[in-house]
Amino acid sequence: MPEIAVSLALTLGVVQKQVLGKNPQRVYALVVNNSAEEIFLGLGIPAVLDQGIPLLISGSNYEISLVNPWHGSISAISRAGTPTLLITEW
């Protein structure tokens, strides 16, 4: 079991932002939309509205694990407002 975990609360906007960098050691990550605005994720590419992985409102999430691995960067963008994205990674 890992000894260090990263927990982040990031505010997004209508301009895409990298929320996790490339991490070849990533074992697990959970990205949760904690807001009332839709968020879209881009894996290894810039996030674009209505493309990639949609996180709908209030608790929608994307999980990275040994079953669903991803070691590249993750970007996010919001349709409107300034929603919060919660991230845990180890």
C-alpha atoms as a PDB file:
ATOM      1  CA  MET A   1       0.000   0.000   0.000  1.00  0.00           C
ATOM      2  CA  PRO A   2       1.341   3.468  -0.850  1.00  0.00           C
ATOM      3  CA  GLU A   3       2.545   5.713   1.938  1.00  0.00           C
ATOM      4  CA  ILE A   4       1.776   9.021   0.221  1.00  0.00           C
ATOM      5  CA  ALA A   5      -1.466  10.153  -1.406  1.00  0.00           C
ATOM      6  CA  VAL A   6      -2.235  13.427  -3.133  1.00  0.00           C
ATOM      7  CA  SER A   7      -5.593  15.077  -2.434  1.00  0.00           C
ATOM      8  CA  LEU A   8      -6.548  18.180  -4.387  1.00  0.00           C
ATOM      9  CA  ALA A   9      -9.554  20.481  -4.714  1.00  0.00           C
ATOM     10  CA  LEU A  10      -9.166  22.425  -7.963  1.00  0.00           C
ATOM     11  CA  THR A  11     -11.358  25.225  -9.254  1.00  0.00           C
ATOM     12  CA  LEU A  12     -11.997  25.027 -12.980  1.00  0.00           C
ATOM     13  CA  GLY A  13     -13.335  27.427 -15.567  1.00  0.00           C
ATOM     14  CA  VAL A  14     -14.214  27.619 -19.236  1.00  0.00           C
ATOM     15  CA  VAL A  15     -10.522  27.419 -20.227  1.00  0.00           C
ATOM     16  CA  GLN A  16      -9.039  23.911 -20.089  1.00  0.00           C
ATOM     17  CA  LYS A  17      -6.520  23.200 -17.345  1.00  0.00           C
ATOM     18  CA  GLN A  18      -4.160  20.296 -16.639  1.00  0.00           C
ATOM     19  CA  VAL A  19      -5.335  18.777 -13.338  1.00  0.00           C
ATOM     20  CA  LEU A  20      -2.884  15.852 -13.067  1.00  0.00           C
ATOM     21  CA  GLY A  21       0.492  15.514 -14.717  1.00  0.00           C
ATOM     22  CA  LYS A  22       1.918  12.386 -16.277  1.00  0.00           C
ATOM     23  CA  ASN A  23       2.797   9.901 -13.527  1.00  0.00           C
ATOM     24  CA  PRO A  24       4.338   6.528 -14.477  1.00  0.00           C
ATOM     25  CA  GLN A  25       4.009   5.443 -10.813  1.00  0.00           C
ATOM     26  CA  ARG A  26       0.239   6.121 -10.601  1.00  0.00           C
ATOM     27  CA  VAL A  27      -1.600   3.171  -9.070  1.00  0.00           C
ATOM     28  CA  TYR A  28      -4.944   4.835  -8.400  1.00  0.00           C
ATOM     29  CA  ALA A  29      -6.743   8.116  -8.967  1.00  0.00           C
ATOM     30  CA  LEU A  30     -10.295   9.282  -8.386  1.00  0.00           C
ATOM     31  CA  VAL A  31     -11.569  12.464 -10.047  1.00  0.00           C
ATOM     32  CA  VAL A  32     -14.921  13.712  -8.691  1.00  0.00           C
ATOM     33  CA  ASN A  33     -17.110  16.553  -9.936  1.00  0.00           C
ATOM     34  CA  ASN A  34     -18.241  18.263  -6.715  1.00  0.00           C
ATOM     35  CA  SER A  35     -20.400  20.909  -8.369  1.00  0.00           C
ATOM     36  CA  ALA A  36     -23.557  21.688 -10.297  1.00  0.00           C
ATOM     37  CA  GLU A  37     -21.706  22.227 -13.616  1.00  0.00           C
ATOM     38  CA  GLU A  38     -20.667  19.613 -16.174  1.00  0.00           C
ATOM     39  CA  ILE A  39     -16.946  18.940 -16.509  1.00  0.00           C
ATOM     40  CA  PHE A  40     -15.161  17.198 -19.381  1.00  0.00           C
ATOM     41  CA  LEU A  41     -11.839  15.346 -19.016  1.00  0.00           C
ATOM     42  CA  GLY A  42      -9.153  14.892 -21.644  1.00  0.00           C
ATOM     43  CA  LEU A  43      -6.666  12.060 -21.178  1.00  0.00           C
ATOM     44  CA  GLY A  44      -3.262  13.035 -22.566  1.00  0.00           C
ATOM     45  CA  ILE A  45      -4.814  15.821 -24.652  1.00  0.00           C
ATOM     46  CA  PRO A  46      -6.411  19.185 -23.900  1.00  0.00           C
ATOM     47  CA  ALA A  47      -9.948  18.937 -22.530  1.00  0.00           C
ATOM     48  CA  VAL A  48     -12.685  20.085 -24.930  1.00  0.00           C
ATOM     49  CA  LEU A  49     -16.374  20.714 -24.241  1.00  0.00           C
ATOM     50  CA  ASP A  50     -18.652  17.832 -25.278  1.00  0.00           C
ATOM     51  CA  GLN A  51     -15.671  15.523 -25.943  1.00  0.00           C
ATOM     52  CA  GLY A  52     -13.643  13.088 -23.869  1.00  0.00           C
ATOM     53  CA  ILE A  53     -14.977  11.862 -20.547  1.00  0.00           C
ATOM     54  CA  PRO A  54     -18.005  13.768 -19.211  1.00  0.00           C
ATOM     55  CA  LEU A  55     -18.453  14.218 -15.479  1.00  0.00           C
ATOM     56  CA  LEU A  56     -22.043  15.180 -14.899  1.00  0.00           C
ATOM     57  CA  ILE A  57     -23.114  17.171 -11.852  1.00  0.00           C
ATOM     58  CA  SER A  58     -22.735  16.483  -8.128  1.00  0.00           C
ATOM     59  CA  GLY A  59     -20.633  13.401  -7.566  1.00  0.00           C
ATOM     60  CA  SER A  60     -20.042  12.059 -11.053  1.00  0.00           C
ATOM     61  CA  ASN A  61     -16.546  10.563 -11.105  1.00  0.00           C
ATOM     62  CA  TYR A  62     -13.821   8.835 -13.076  1.00  0.00           C
ATOM     63  CA  GLU A  63     -11.654   6.175 -11.451  1.00  0.00           C
ATOM     64  CA  ILE A  64      -8.195   5.043 -12.521  1.00  0.00           C
ATOM     65  CA  SER A  65      -7.032   1.732 -11.056  1.00  0.00           C
ATOM     66  CA  LEU A  66      -5.081  -1.407 -11.889  1.00  0.00           C
ATOM     67  CA  VAL A  67      -8.141  -2.565 -13.851  1.00  0.00           C
ATOM     68  CA  ASN A  68      -8.447   0.781 -15.682  1.00  0.00           C
ATOM     69  CA  PRO A  69      -4.867   2.148 -15.772  1.00  0.00           C
ATOM     70  CA  TRP A  70      -3.818   5.576 -17.044  1.00  0.00           C
ATOM     71  CA  HIS A  71      -0.381   7.105 -16.414  1.00  0.00           C
ATOM     72  CA  GLY A  72      -0.626  10.131 -18.712  1.00  0.00           C
ATOM     73  CA  SER A  73      -1.778  13.655 -17.971  1.00  0.00           C
ATOM     74  CA  ILE A  74      -5.405  14.611 -17.320  1.00  0.00           C
ATOM     75  CA  SER A  75      -6.966  17.927 -18.301  1.00  0.00           C
ATOM     76  CA  ALA A  76     -10.404  19.322 -17.473  1.00  0.00           C
ATOM     77  CA  ILE A  77     -12.769  22.062 -18.618  1.00  0.00           C
ATOM     78  CA  SER A  78     -16.153  23.298 -17.420  1.00  0.00           C
ATOM     79  CA  ARG A  79     -19.138  24.301 -19.499  1.00  0.00           C
ATOM     80  CA  ALA A  80     -19.779  27.329 -17.237  1.00  0.00           C
ATOM     81  CA  GLY A  81     -19.063  28.792 -13.830  1.00  0.00           C
ATOM     82  CA  THR A  82     -16.188  27.808 -11.563  1.00  0.00           C
ATOM     83  CA  PRO A  83     -16.852  24.230 -10.457  1.00  0.00           C
ATOM     84  CA  THR A  84     -14.652  22.298  -8.053  1.00  0.00           C
ATOM     85  CA  LEU A  85     -12.942  19.063  -9.055  1.00  0.00           C
ATOM     86  CA  LEU A  86     -11.799  16.787  -6.225  1.00  0.00           C
ATOM     87  CA  ILE A  87      -8.825  14.522  -6.980  1.00  0.00           C
ATOM     88  CA  THR A  88      -7.132  11.766  -4.999  1.00  0.00           C
ATOM     89  CA  GLU A  89      -4.077  10.032  -6.453  1.00  0.00           C
ATOM     90  CA  TRP A  90      -1.491   7.534  -5.303  1.00  0.00           C
END
